[in-house]
């Protein structure tokens, strides 16, 4: 038992007892004291108002309960009609917000397709088409030159053969 108390005093700074646990250091700082002094009356006032509201609610319920029992054949259907009407308006609004957000998402998605990767792919396709057309043109020129050189050789060969 004595060992336990010695260990507790060693763990607490300065051996201050419970004050050392809750308020570290030598004591409460000025800002902590001001916070407690300020918040204590505010908390007390709010607690008093909460109690006053509870008492008023209980008194109002005690007075209104007989009226609810007497008028319940009219109040229950009226409450159901009002509740269903409010539920209908809320549901309609929720569907409207959902539809608008869906349309907005689709519009932004389509815009991102138009501005995003699709034009880049089209530009790449155009670039490849130009490159391929250039390569085909170059190959056609080379083939034309080969055909012309072969034709010259044939015509030179034919002219030499006819002279001799």
Protein backbone atom coordinates (compact mmCIF):
# COMPACT_ATOMS: atom_id res chain seq x y z
CA UNK A 1 0.00 0.00 0.00
CA UNK A 2 2.83 2.38 0.87
CA UNK A 3 4.56 1.46 -2.40
CA UNK A 4 1.41 2.34 -4.36
CA UNK A 5 1.19 5.80 -2.76
CA UNK A 6 4.87 6.46 -3.39
CA UNK A 7 4.44 5.49 -7.04
CA UNK A 8 1.44 7.83 -7.38
CA UNK A 9 3.38 10.70 -5.85
CA UNK A 10 6.29 10.04 -8.20
CA UNK A 11 3.97 10.04 -11.22
CA UNK A 12 2.35 13.34 -10.23
CA UNK A 13 4.46 16.41 -10.86
CA UNK A 14 5.53 17.90 -7.57
CA UNK A 15 3.33 15.50 -5.56
CA UNK A 16 0.42 17.94 -5.64
CA UNK A 17 -2.36 15.36 -5.20
CA UNK A 18 -5.46 15.66 -7.36
CA UNK A 19 -4.64 19.23 -8.39
CA UNK A 20 -1.58 17.87 -10.19
CA UNK A 21 -3.76 15.49 -12.21
CA UNK A 22 -6.43 17.96 -13.33
CA UNK A 23 -4.36 21.09 -13.60
CA UNK A 24 -0.81 20.35 -14.76
CA UNK A 25 1.89 22.66 -13.55
CA UNK A 26 1.82 24.63 -10.33
CA UNK A 27 -1.76 25.89 -10.61
CA UNK A 28 -4.43 27.23 -12.90
CA UNK A 29 -3.38 29.84 -15.40
CA UNK A 30 -5.14 33.17 -15.71
CA UNK A 31 -6.86 32.15 -18.95
CA UNK A 32 -8.22 28.98 -17.33
CA UNK A 33 -9.59 30.93 -14.37
CA UNK A 34 -11.21 33.49 -16.71
CA UNK A 35 -12.73 30.67 -18.80
CA UNK A 36 -14.27 29.05 -15.71
CA UNK A 37 -15.52 32.38 -14.33
CA UNK A 38 -17.07 33.25 -17.71
CA UNK A 39 -18.56 29.87 -18.59
CA UNK A 40 -19.99 29.02 -15.15
CA UNK A 41 -22.74 31.70 -15.21
CA UNK A 42 -23.51 31.00 -18.88
CA UNK A 43 -23.82 27.25 -18.23
CA UNK A 44 -25.95 27.84 -15.15
CA UNK A 45 -28.28 30.18 -17.02
CA UNK A 46 -28.71 27.70 -19.87
CA UNK A 47 -29.37 24.86 -17.43
CA UNK A 48 -32.03 26.98 -15.68
CA UNK A 49 -33.71 27.79 -19.01
CA UNK A 50 -33.69 24.09 -19.97
CA UNK A 51 -35.42 23.21 -16.69
CA UNK A 52 -37.95 26.01 -17.15
CA UNK A 53 -38.72 24.76 -20.69
CA UNK A 54 -39.19 21.20 -19.40
CA UNK A 55 -41.63 22.35 -16.70
CA UNK A 56 -43.59 24.47 -19.23
CA UNK A 57 -43.79 21.54 -21.64
CA UNK A 58 -45.07 19.19 -18.93
CA UNK A 59 -47.74 21.71 -17.82
CA UNK A 60 -48.84 22.30 -21.43
CA UNK A 61 -49.05 18.57 -22.06
CA UNK A 62 -51.11 18.06 -18.89
CA UNK A 63 -53.56 20.76 -20.01
CA UNK A 64 -53.73 19.64 -23.66
CA UNK A 65 -54.09 15.90 -23.10
CA UNK A 66 -57.85 16.05 -22.33
CA UNK A 67 -58.37 18.20 -25.43
CA UNK A 68 -56.45 15.66 -27.55
CA UNK A 69 -58.63 12.85 -26.20
CA UNK A 70 -61.86 14.75 -26.86
CA UNK A 71 -60.95 15.96 -30.34
CA UNK A 72 -58.98 12.88 -31.44
CA UNK A 73 -61.63 11.73 -33.98
CA UNK A 74 -61.00 14.96 -35.89
CA UNK A 75 -57.35 15.53 -35.06
CA UNK A 76 -56.01 12.13 -36.15
CA UNK A 77 -57.34 12.31 -39.72
CA UNK A 78 -56.31 15.95 -39.97
CA UNK A 79 -52.81 15.10 -38.78
CA UNK A 80 -52.64 12.24 -41.30
CA UNK A 81 -53.76 14.49 -44.16
CA UNK A 82 -51.31 17.24 -43.21
CA UNK A 83 -48.51 14.71 -42.70
CA UNK A 84 -49.13 13.06 -46.07
CA UNK A 85 -49.30 16.47 -47.76
CA UNK A 86 -45.97 17.52 -46.26
CA UNK A 87 -44.48 14.14 -47.18
CA UNK A 88 -45.70 14.59 -50.77
CA UNK A 89 -44.14 18.04 -51.07
CA UNK A 90 -40.86 16.82 -49.58
CA UNK A 91 -40.80 13.81 -51.90
CA UNK A 92 -41.54 15.98 -54.91
CA UNK A 93 -38.72 18.33 -53.94
CA UNK A 94 -36.32 15.43 -53.43
CA UNK A 95 -37.18 14.00 -56.86
CA UNK A 96 -36.73 17.44 -58.42
CA UNK A 97 -33.33 17.96 -56.81
CA UNK A 98 -32.29 14.45 -57.86
CA UNK A 99 -33.38 15.09 -61.45
CA UNK A 100 -31.58 18.44 -61.62
CA UNK A 101 -28.39 17.03 -60.15
CA UNK A 102 -28.53 14.08 -62.58
CA UNK A 103 -28.99 16.39 -65.55
CA UNK A 104 -26.19 18.61 -64.32
CA UNK A 105 -23.87 15.62 -63.94
CA UNK A 106 -24.73 14.35 -67.43
CA UNK A 107 -24.14 17.79 -68.95
CA UNK A 108 -20.76 18.15 -67.26
CA UNK A 109 -19.82 14.59 -68.29
CA UNK A 110 -20.70 15.29 -71.92
CA UNK A 111 -18.77 18.58 -71.79
CA UNK A 112 -15.74 16.75 -70.40
CA UNK A 113 -16.00 14.22 -73.26
CA UNK A 114 -16.18 17.01 -75.84
CA UNK A 115 -13.35 19.04 -74.32
CA UNK A 116 -11.40 16.20 -72.80
CA UNK A 117 -9.96 13.05 -74.33
CA UNK A 118 -12.17 12.92 -77.47
CA UNK A 119 -10.65 15.99 -79.21
CA UNK A 120 -7.19 14.74 -78.28
CA UNK A 121 -7.97 11.40 -79.91
CA UNK A 122 -9.33 13.18 -82.98
CA UNK A 123 -6.16 15.28 -83.19
CA UNK A 124 -4.04 12.13 -82.94
CA UNK A 125 -6.10 10.49 -85.69
CA UNK A 126 -5.68 13.55 -87.93
CA UNK A 127 -1.94 13.60 -87.26
CA UNK A 128 -1.63 9.89 -88.08
CA UNK A 129 -3.67 10.38 -91.25
CA UNK A 130 -1.37 13.23 -92.37
CA UNK A 131 1.70 11.16 -91.56
CA UNK A 132 0.33 8.16 -93.45
CA UNK A 133 -0.63 10.35 -96.41
CA UNK A 134 2.87 11.83 -96.42
CA UNK A 135 4.44 8.37 -96.29
CA UNK A 136 2.18 7.14 -99.12
CA UNK A 137 3.07 10.23 -101.19
CA UNK A 138 6.79 9.69 -100.59
CA UNK A 139 6.48 6.03 -101.53
CA UNK A 140 4.53 7.01 -104.68
CA UNK A 141 7.30 9.47 -105.67
CA UNK A 142 9.96 6.83 -105.12
CA UNK A 143 7.98 4.29 -107.13
CA UNK A 144 7.45 6.86 -109.90
CA UNK A 145 11.17 7.58 -110.03
CA UNK A 146 11.94 3.86 -110.20
CA UNK A 147 9.41 3.42 -113.01
CA UNK A 148 10.87 6.41 -114.88
CA UNK A 149 14.41 5.10 -114.52
CA UNK A 150 13.33 1.64 -115.74
CA UNK A 151 11.50 3.26 -118.65
CA UNK A 152 14.62 5.21 -119.57
CA UNK A 153 16.71 2.09 -119.41
CA UNK A 154 14.23 0.27 -121.63
CA UNK A 155 14.06 3.17 -124.07
CA UNK A 156 17.85 3.53 -124.10
CA UNK A 157 18.22 -0.18 -124.63
CA UNK A 158 15.71 -0.08 -127.46
CA UNK A 159 17.41 2.89 -129.13
CA UNK A 160 20.84 1.28 -128.91
CA UNK A 161 19.49 -1.98 -130.27
CA UNK A 162 17.85 -0.22 -133.22
CA UNK A 163 21.05 1.68 -134.15
CA UNK A 164 23.27 -1.28 -134.47
